[in-house]
């Protein structure tokens, strides 16, 4: 989703009273947009570029693991009868 579409989406959702929870990935502009709309939380894949914007806000940031940094989940199946 491009930034203009994301802005419209957040604007509409906010006006309708939805709690805004935003997954930004590594896009600094998306983090700033989420903070501009006072999102309840922001999920980010990298913090370095976003530290100052996040540190100056009341919005909690959730740091997600980078792809490939953890093993794939293993599905455990019950033993066959």
PDB file of N, CA and C in Angstrom:
ATOM      1  N   UNK A   1       0.856  -1.169   0.000  1.00  0.00           N
ATOM      2  CA  UNK A   1       0.000   0.000   0.000  1.00  0.00           C
ATOM      3  C   UNK A   1       0.902   1.233   0.000  1.00  0.00           C
ATOM      4  N   UNK A   2       0.603   2.177  -0.854  1.00  0.00           N
ATOM      5  CA  UNK A   2       1.403   3.397  -0.901  1.00  0.00           C
ATOM      6  C   UNK A   2       1.011   4.317   0.257  1.00  0.00           C
ATOM      7  N   UNK A   3       1.849   5.298   0.534  1.00  0.00           N
ATOM      8  CA  UNK A   3       1.667   6.165   1.705  1.00  0.00           C
ATOM      9  C   UNK A   3       0.386   6.993   1.638  1.00  0.00           C
ATOM     10  N   UNK A   4       0.018   7.472   0.463  1.00  0.00           N
ATOM     11  CA  UNK A   4      -1.205   8.263   0.320  1.00  0.00           C
ATOM     12  C   UNK A   4      -2.438   7.412   0.633  1.00  0.00           C
ATOM     13  N   UNK A   5      -2.450   6.187   0.132  1.00  0.00           N
ATOM     14  CA  UNK A   5      -3.567   5.276   0.428  1.00  0.00           C
ATOM     15  C   UNK A   5      -3.613   4.939   1.911  1.00  0.00           C
ATOM     16  N   UNK A   6      -2.448   4.736   2.501  1.00  0.00           N
ATOM     17  CA  UNK A   6      -2.384   4.431   3.934  1.00  0.00           C
ATOM     18  C   UNK A   6      -2.916   5.603   4.754  1.00  0.00           C
ATOM     19  N   UNK A   7      -2.573   6.812   4.350  1.00  0.00           N
ATOM     20  CA  UNK A   7      -3.066   8.010   5.046  1.00  0.00           C
ATOM     21  C   UNK A   7      -4.595   8.072   4.993  1.00  0.00           C
ATOM     22  N   UNK A   8      -5.156   7.839   3.819  1.00  0.00           N
ATOM     23  CA  UNK A   8      -6.624   7.855   3.679  1.00  0.00           C
ATOM     24  C   UNK A   8      -7.272   6.763   4.516  1.00  0.00           C
ATOM     25  N   UNK A   9      -6.678   5.596   4.503  1.00  0.00           N
ATOM     26  CA  UNK A   9      -7.191   4.454   5.264  1.00  0.00           C
ATOM     27  C   UNK A   9      -7.211   4.772   6.760  1.00  0.00           C
ATOM     28  N   UNK A  10      -6.085   5.286   7.282  1.00  0.00           N
ATOM     29  CA  UNK A  10      -6.010   5.634   8.707  1.00  0.00           C
ATOM     30  C   UNK A  10      -6.989   6.752   9.053  1.00  0.00           C
ATOM     31  N   UNK A  11      -7.126   7.718   8.165  1.00  0.00           N
ATOM     32  CA  UNK A  11      -8.056   8.821   8.399  1.00  0.00           C
ATOM     33  C   UNK A  11      -9.489   8.300   8.520  1.00  0.00           C
ATOM     34  N   UNK A  12      -9.891   7.457   7.576  1.00  0.00           N
ATOM     35  CA  UNK A  12     -11.253   6.911   7.608  1.00  0.00           C
ATOM     36  C   UNK A  12     -11.477   6.045   8.848  1.00  0.00           C
ATOM     37  N   UNK A  13     -10.530   5.159   9.128  1.00  0.00           N
ATOM     38  CA  UNK A  13     -10.661   4.269  10.285  1.00  0.00           C
ATOM     39  C   UNK A  13     -10.706   5.071  11.586  1.00  0.00           C
ATOM     40  N   UNK A  14      -9.869   6.094  11.695  1.00  0.00           N
ATOM     41  CA  UNK A  14      -9.865   6.933  12.889  1.00  0.00           C
ATOM     42  C   UNK A  14     -11.168   7.676  13.077  1.00  0.00           C
ATOM     43  N   UNK A  15     -11.709   8.218  11.988  1.00  0.00           N
ATOM     44  CA  UNK A  15     -12.974   8.947  12.068  1.00  0.00           C
ATOM     45  C   UNK A  15     -14.139   8.034  12.430  1.00  0.00           C
ATOM     46  N   UNK A  16     -14.022   6.750  12.063  1.00  0.00           N
ATOM     47  CA  UNK A  16     -15.068   5.792  12.404  1.00  0.00           C
ATOM     48  C   UNK A  16     -14.908   5.232  13.822  1.00  0.00           C
ATOM     49  N   UNK A  17     -13.862   5.651  14.512  1.00  0.00           N
ATOM     50  CA  UNK A  17     -13.670   5.250  15.898  1.00  0.00           C
ATOM     51  C   UNK A  17     -12.857   3.976  16.102  1.00  0.00           C
ATOM     52  N   UNK A  18     -12.226   3.465  15.048  1.00  0.00           N
ATOM     53  CA  UNK A  18     -11.414   2.269  15.195  1.00  0.00           C
ATOM     54  C   UNK A  18     -10.125   2.577  15.944  1.00  0.00           C
ATOM     55  N   UNK A  19      -9.665   1.633  16.741  1.00  0.00           N
ATOM     56  CA  UNK A  19      -8.353   1.729  17.371  1.00  0.00           C
ATOM     57  C   UNK A  19      -7.324   1.409  16.298  1.00  0.00           C
ATOM     58  N   UNK A  20      -6.351   2.287  16.122  1.00  0.00           N
ATOM     59  CA  UNK A  20      -5.374   2.117  15.046  1.00  0.00           C
ATOM     60  C   UNK A  20      -4.149   1.359  15.546  1.00  0.00           C
ATOM     61  N   UNK A  21      -3.893   0.220  14.958  1.00  0.00           N
ATOM     62  CA  UNK A  21      -2.699  -0.578  15.209  1.00  0.00           C
ATOM     63  C   UNK A  21      -2.040  -0.769  13.855  1.00  0.00           C
ATOM     64  N   UNK A  22      -0.803  -0.286  13.724  1.00  0.00           N
ATOM     65  CA  UNK A  22      -0.179  -0.191  12.403  1.00  0.00           C
ATOM     66  C   UNK A  22       1.089  -1.029  12.330  1.00  0.00           C
ATOM     67  N   UNK A  23       1.198  -1.837  11.269  1.00  0.00           N
ATOM     68  CA  UNK A  23       2.429  -2.587  10.976  1.00  0.00           C
ATOM     69  C   UNK A  23       3.172  -1.807   9.903  1.00  0.00           C
ATOM     70  N   UNK A  24       4.343  -1.272  10.237  1.00  0.00           N
ATOM     71  CA  UNK A  24       5.059  -0.385   9.316  1.00  0.00           C
ATOM     72  C   UNK A  24       6.226  -1.030   8.603  1.00  0.00           C
ATOM     73  N   UNK A  25       6.664  -2.184   9.059  1.00  0.00           N
ATOM     74  CA  UNK A  25       7.865  -2.770   8.469  1.00  0.00           C
ATOM     75  C   UNK A  25       9.056  -1.894   8.803  1.00  0.00           C
ATOM     76  N   UNK A  26       9.813  -1.502   7.801  1.00  0.00           N
ATOM     77  CA  UNK A  26      10.993  -0.650   8.014  1.00  0.00           C
ATOM     78  C   UNK A  26      10.787   0.765   7.484  1.00  0.00           C
ATOM     79  N   UNK A  27       9.568   1.109   7.110  1.00  0.00           N
ATOM     80  CA  UNK A  27       9.307   2.414   6.496  1.00  0.00           C
ATOM     81  C   UNK A  27       9.176   3.519   7.545  1.00  0.00           C
ATOM     82  N   UNK A  28      10.156   4.396   7.605  1.00  0.00           N
ATOM     83  CA  UNK A  28      10.139   5.502   8.551  1.00  0.00           C
ATOM     84  C   UNK A  28       8.942   6.410   8.323  1.00  0.00           C
ATOM     85  N   UNK A  29       8.588   6.654   7.065  1.00  0.00           N
ATOM     86  CA  UNK A  29       7.437   7.511   6.755  1.00  0.00           C
ATOM     87  C   UNK A  29       6.151   6.897   7.292  1.00  0.00           C
ATOM     88  N   UNK A  30       6.035   5.583   7.234  1.00  0.00           N
ATOM     89  CA  UNK A  30       4.842   4.910   7.753  1.00  0.00           C
ATOM     90  C   UNK A  30       4.778   5.018   9.282  1.00  0.00           C
ATOM     91  N   UNK A  31       5.928   4.953   9.938  1.00  0.00           N
ATOM     92  CA  UNK A  31       5.967   5.128  11.403  1.00  0.00           C
ATOM     93  C   UNK A  31       5.486   6.524  11.753  1.00  0.00           C
ATOM     94  N   UNK A  32       5.997   7.506  11.067  1.00  0.00           N
ATOM     95  CA  UNK A  32       5.587   8.901  11.334  1.00  0.00           C
ATOM     96  C   UNK A  32       4.095   9.084  11.072  1.00  0.00           C
ATOM     97  N   UNK A  33       3.576   8.458  10.037  1.00  0.00           N
ATOM     98  CA  UNK A  33       2.154   8.535   9.731  1.00  0.00           C
ATOM     99  C   UNK A  33       1.328   7.909  10.852  1.00  0.00           C
ATOM    100  N   UNK A  34       1.748   6.760  11.335  1.00  0.00           N
ATOM    101  CA  UNK A  34       1.041   6.101  12.436  1.00  0.00           C
ATOM    102  C   UNK A  34       1.061   6.971  13.694  1.00  0.00           C
ATOM    103  N   UNK A  35       2.187   7.607  13.960  1.00  0.00           N
ATOM    104  CA  UNK A  35       2.287   8.472  15.132  1.00  0.00           C
ATOM    105  C   UNK A  35       1.447   9.734  14.950  1.00  0.00           C
ATOM    106  N   UNK A  36       1.387  10.236  13.727  1.00  0.00           N
ATOM    107  CA  UNK A  36       0.565  11.411  13.426  1.00  0.00           C
ATOM    108  C   UNK A  36      -0.905  11.142  13.745  1.00  0.00           C
ATOM    109  N   UNK A  37      -1.358   9.908  13.468  1.00  0.00           N
ATOM    110  CA  UNK A  37      -2.752   9.538  13.726  1.00  0.00           C
ATOM    111  C   UNK A  37      -2.928   8.918  15.109  1.00  0.00           C
ATOM    112  N   UNK A  38      -1.910   9.039  15.963  1.00  0.00           N
ATOM    113  CA  UNK A  38      -1.979   8.585  17.356  1.00  0.00           C
ATOM    114  C   UNK A  38      -2.382   7.112  17.445  1.00  0.00           C
ATOM    115  N   UNK A  39      -1.688   6.276  16.689  1.00  0.00           N
ATOM    116  CA  UNK A  39      -1.971   4.840  16.688  1.00  0.00           C
ATOM    117  C   UNK A  39      -1.789   4.266  18.090  1.00  0.00           C
ATOM    118  N   UNK A  40      -2.596   3.267  18.411  1.00  0.00           N
ATOM    119  CA  UNK A  40      -2.509   2.606  19.714  1.00  0.00           C
ATOM    120  C   UNK A  40      -1.205   1.828  19.835  1.00  0.00           C
ATOM    121  N   UNK A  41      -0.697   1.310  18.719  1.00  0.00           N
ATOM    122  CA  UNK A  41       0.591   0.624  18.703  1.00  0.00           C
ATOM    123  C   UNK A  41       1.143   0.618  17.280  1.00  0.00           C
ATOM    124  N   UNK A  42       2.459   0.459  17.210  1.00  0.00           N
ATOM    125  CA  UNK A  42       3.145   0.402  15.928  1.00  0.00           C
ATOM    126  C   UNK A  42       4.066  -0.808  15.946  1.00  0.00           C
ATOM    127  N   UNK A  43       3.929  -1.676  14.947  1.00  0.00           N
ATOM    128  CA  UNK A  43       4.830  -2.814  14.813  1.00  0.00           C
ATOM    129  C   UNK A  43       5.896  -2.461  13.793  1.00  0.00           C
ATOM    130  N   UNK A  44       7.160  -2.567  14.179  1.00  0.00           N
ATOM    131  CA  UNK A  44       8.265  -2.216  13.291  1.00  0.00           C
ATOM    132  C   UNK A  44       9.228  -3.393  13.155  1.00  0.00           C
ATOM    133  N   UNK A  45       9.882  -3.481  12.004  1.00  0.00           N
ATOM    134  CA  UNK A  45      10.883  -4.517  11.772  1.00  0.00           C
ATOM    135  C   UNK A  45      12.285  -4.022  12.089  1.00  0.00           C
ATOM    136  N   UNK A  46      12.472  -2.714  12.152  1.00  0.00           N
ATOM    137  CA  UNK A  46      13.769  -2.132  12.466  1.00  0.00           C
ATOM    138  C   UNK A  46      13.545  -0.858  13.264  1.00  0.00           C
ATOM    139  N   UNK A  47      14.398  -0.616  14.241  1.00  0.00           N
ATOM    140  CA  UNK A  47      14.200   0.534  15.110  1.00  0.00           C
ATOM    141  C   UNK A  47      15.154   1.679  14.803  1.00  0.00           C
ATOM    142  N   UNK A  48      16.338   1.409  14.351  1.00  0.00           N
ATOM    143  CA  UNK A  48      17.379   2.430  14.213  1.00  0.00           C
ATOM    144  C   UNK A  48      16.899   3.704  13.534  1.00  0.00           C
ATOM    145  N   UNK A  49      16.222   3.586  12.404  1.00  0.00           N
ATOM    146  CA  UNK A  49      15.784   4.769  11.668  1.00  0.00           C
ATOM    147  C   UNK A  49      14.593   5.448  12.333  1.00  0.00           C
ATOM    148  N   UNK A  50      13.900   4.741  13.212  1.00  0.00           N
ATOM    149  CA  UNK A  50      12.664   5.255  13.792  1.00  0.00           C
ATOM    150  C   UNK A  50      12.796   5.646  15.261  1.00  0.00           C
ATOM    151  N   UNK A  51      13.988   5.506  15.836  1.00  0.00           N
ATOM    152  CA  UNK A  51      14.158   5.699  17.277  1.00  0.00           C
ATOM    153  C   UNK A  51      13.672   7.041  17.793  1.00  0.00           C
ATOM    154  N   UNK A  52      14.059   8.127  17.166  1.00  0.00           N
ATOM    155  CA  UNK A  52      13.707   9.438  17.707  1.00  0.00           C
ATOM    156  C   UNK A  52      12.204   9.695  17.626  1.00  0.00           C
ATOM    157  N   UNK A  53      11.573   9.315  16.532  1.00  0.00           N
ATOM    158  CA  UNK A  53      10.128   9.524  16.403  1.00  0.00           C
ATOM    159  C   UNK A  53       9.375   8.700  17.435  1.00  0.00           C
ATOM    160  N   UNK A  54       9.798   7.466  17.644  1.00  0.00           N
ATOM    161  CA  UNK A  54       9.124   6.597  18.611  1.00  0.00           C
ATOM    162  C   UNK A  54       9.395   7.040  20.045  1.00  0.00           C
ATOM    163  N   UNK A  55      10.618   7.476  20.314  1.00  0.00           N
ATOM    164  CA  UNK A  55      10.987   7.894  21.670  1.00  0.00           C
ATOM    165  C   UNK A  55      10.214   9.130  22.110  1.00  0.00           C
ATOM    166  N   UNK A  56       9.852   9.987  21.174  1.00  0.00           N
ATOM    167  CA  UNK A  56       9.134  11.219  21.503  1.00  0.00           C
ATOM    168  C   UNK A  56       7.615  11.045  21.519  1.00  0.00           C
ATOM    169  N   UNK A  57       7.145   9.810  21.351  1.00  0.00           N
ATOM    170  CA  UNK A  57       5.700   9.592  21.296  1.00  0.00           C
ATOM    171  C   UNK A  57       5.211   8.792  22.497  1.00  0.00           C
ATOM    172  N   UNK A  58       3.887   8.738  22.645  1.00  0.00           N
ATOM    173  CA  UNK A  58       3.269   7.917  23.688  1.00  0.00           C
ATOM    174  C   UNK A  58       2.883   6.550  23.142  1.00  0.00           C
ATOM    175  N   UNK A  59       3.090   6.328  21.856  1.00  0.00           N
ATOM    176  CA  UNK A  59       2.691   5.088  21.199  1.00  0.00           C
ATOM    177  C   UNK A  59       3.713   3.982  21.460  1.00  0.00           C
ATOM    178  N   UNK A  60       3.262   2.826  21.974  1.00  0.00           N
ATOM    179  CA  UNK A  60       4.202   1.727  22.173  1.00  0.00           C
ATOM    180  C   UNK A  60       4.618   1.118  20.841  1.00  0.00           C
ATOM    181  N   UNK A  61       5.875   0.746  20.742  1.00  0.00           N
ATOM    182  CA  UNK A  61       6.389   0.095  19.538  1.00  0.00           C
ATOM    183  C   UNK A  61       6.637  -1.374  19.840  1.00  0.00           C
ATOM    184  N   UNK A  62       6.231  -2.215  18.933  1.00  0.00           N
ATOM    185  CA  UNK A  62       6.459  -3.649  19.044  1.00  0.00           C
ATOM    186  C   UNK A  62       7.483  -4.024  17.992  1.00  0.00           C
ATOM    187  N   UNK A  63       8.630  -4.505  18.416  1.00  0.00           N
ATOM    188  CA  UNK A  63       9.689  -4.873  17.487  1.00  0.00           C
ATOM    189  C   UNK A  63       9.489  -6.323  17.064  1.00  0.00           C
ATOM    190  N   UNK A  64       9.341  -6.542  15.767  1.00  0.00           N
ATOM    191  CA  UNK A  64       9.141  -7.895  15.252  1.00  0.00           C
ATOM    192  C   UNK A  64      10.465  -8.451  14.768  1.00  0.00           C
ATOM    193  N   UNK A  65      10.648  -9.766  14.853  1.00  0.00           N
ATOM    194  CA  UNK A  65      11.909 -10.361  14.398  1.00  0.00           C
ATOM    195  C   UNK A  65      12.090 -10.196  12.891  1.00  0.00           C
ATOM    196  N   UNK A  66      13.313 -10.013  12.500  1.00  0.00           N
ATOM    197  CA  UNK A  66      13.616  -9.916  11.064  1.00  0.00           C
ATOM    198  C   UNK A  66      13.437 -11.280  10.422  1.00  0.00           C
ATOM    199  N   UNK A  67      12.982 -11.318   9.183  1.00  0.00           N
ATOM    200  CA  UNK A  67      12.824 -12.604   8.503  1.00  0.00           C
ATOM    201  C   UNK A  67      14.150 -13.368   8.491  1.00  0.00           C
ATOM    202  N   UNK A  68      14.093 -14.658   8.774  1.00  0.00           N
ATOM    203  CA  UNK A  68      15.297 -15.480   8.758  1.00  0.00           C
ATOM    204  C   UNK A  68      16.086 -15.454  10.054  1.00  0.00           C
ATOM    205  N   UNK A  69      15.661 -14.672  11.039  1.00  0.00           N
ATOM    206  CA  UNK A  69      16.417 -14.594  12.284  1.00  0.00           C
ATOM    207  C   UNK A  69      15.976 -15.628  13.309  1.00  0.00           C
ATOM    208  N   UNK A  70      14.937 -16.352  12.998  1.00  0.00           N
ATOM    209  CA  UNK A  70      14.467 -17.391  13.903  1.00  0.00           C
ATOM    210  C   UNK A  70      14.016 -18.590  13.080  1.00  0.00           C
ATOM    211  N   UNK A  71      14.093 -19.788  13.655  1.00  0.00           N
ATOM    212  CA  UNK A  71      13.706 -20.969  12.877  1.00  0.00           C
ATOM    213  C   UNK A  71      12.211 -20.986  12.584  1.00  0.00           C
ATOM    214  N   UNK A  72      11.854 -21.637  11.524  1.00  0.00           N
ATOM    215  CA  UNK A  72      10.440 -21.780  11.168  1.00  0.00           C
ATOM    216  C   UNK A  72       9.732 -22.593  12.244  1.00  0.00           C
ATOM    217  N   UNK A  73       8.457 -22.296  12.497  1.00  0.00           N
ATOM    218  CA  UNK A  73       7.740 -23.048  13.521  1.00  0.00           C
ATOM    219  C   UNK A  73       7.596 -24.521  13.124  1.00  0.00           C
ATOM    220  N   UNK A  74       7.640 -25.370  14.116  1.00  0.00           N
ATOM    221  CA  UNK A  74       7.481 -26.803  13.890  1.00  0.00           C
ATOM    222  C   UNK A  74       6.084 -27.184  14.350  1.00  0.00           C
ATOM    223  N   UNK A  75       5.357 -27.832  13.492  1.00  0.00           N
ATOM    224  CA  UNK A  75       4.022 -28.284  13.853  1.00  0.00           C
ATOM    225  C   UNK A  75       4.140 -29.641  14.521  1.00  0.00           C
ATOM    226  N   UNK A  76       3.572 -29.778  15.687  1.00  0.00           N
ATOM    227  CA  UNK A  76       3.615 -31.036  16.409  1.00  0.00           C
ATOM    228  C   UNK A  76       2.261 -31.709  16.250  1.00  0.00           C
ATOM    229  N   UNK A  77       2.316 -32.903  15.737  1.00  0.00           N
ATOM    230  CA  UNK A  77       1.094 -33.653  15.529  1.00  0.00           C
ATOM    231  C   UNK A  77       1.001 -34.765  16.565  1.00  0.00           C
ATOM    232  N   UNK A  78      -0.226 -35.084  16.974  1.00  0.00           N
ATOM    233  CA  UNK A  78      -0.373 -36.206  17.907  1.00  0.00           C
ATOM    234  C   UNK A  78       0.020 -37.509  17.212  1.00  0.00           C
ATOM    235  N   UNK A  79       0.478 -38.481  17.978  1.00  0.00           N
ATOM    236  CA  UNK A  79       0.849 -39.767  17.350  1.00  0.00           C
ATOM    237  C   UNK A  79      -0.342 -40.406  16.667  1.00  0.00           C
ATOM    238  N   UNK A  80      -0.066 -41.088  15.591  1.00  0.00           N
ATOM    239  CA  UNK A  80      -1.125 -41.800  14.860  1.00  0.00           C
ATOM    240  C   UNK A  80      -1.629 -42.965  15.704  1.00  0.00           C
ATOM    241  N   UNK A  81      -2.929 -43.237  15.655  1.00  0.00           N
ATOM    242  CA  UNK A  81      -3.471 -44.359  16.464  1.00  0.00           C
ATOM    243  C   UNK A  81      -2.984 -45.697  15.970  1.00  0.00           C
TER     244      UNK A  81
END
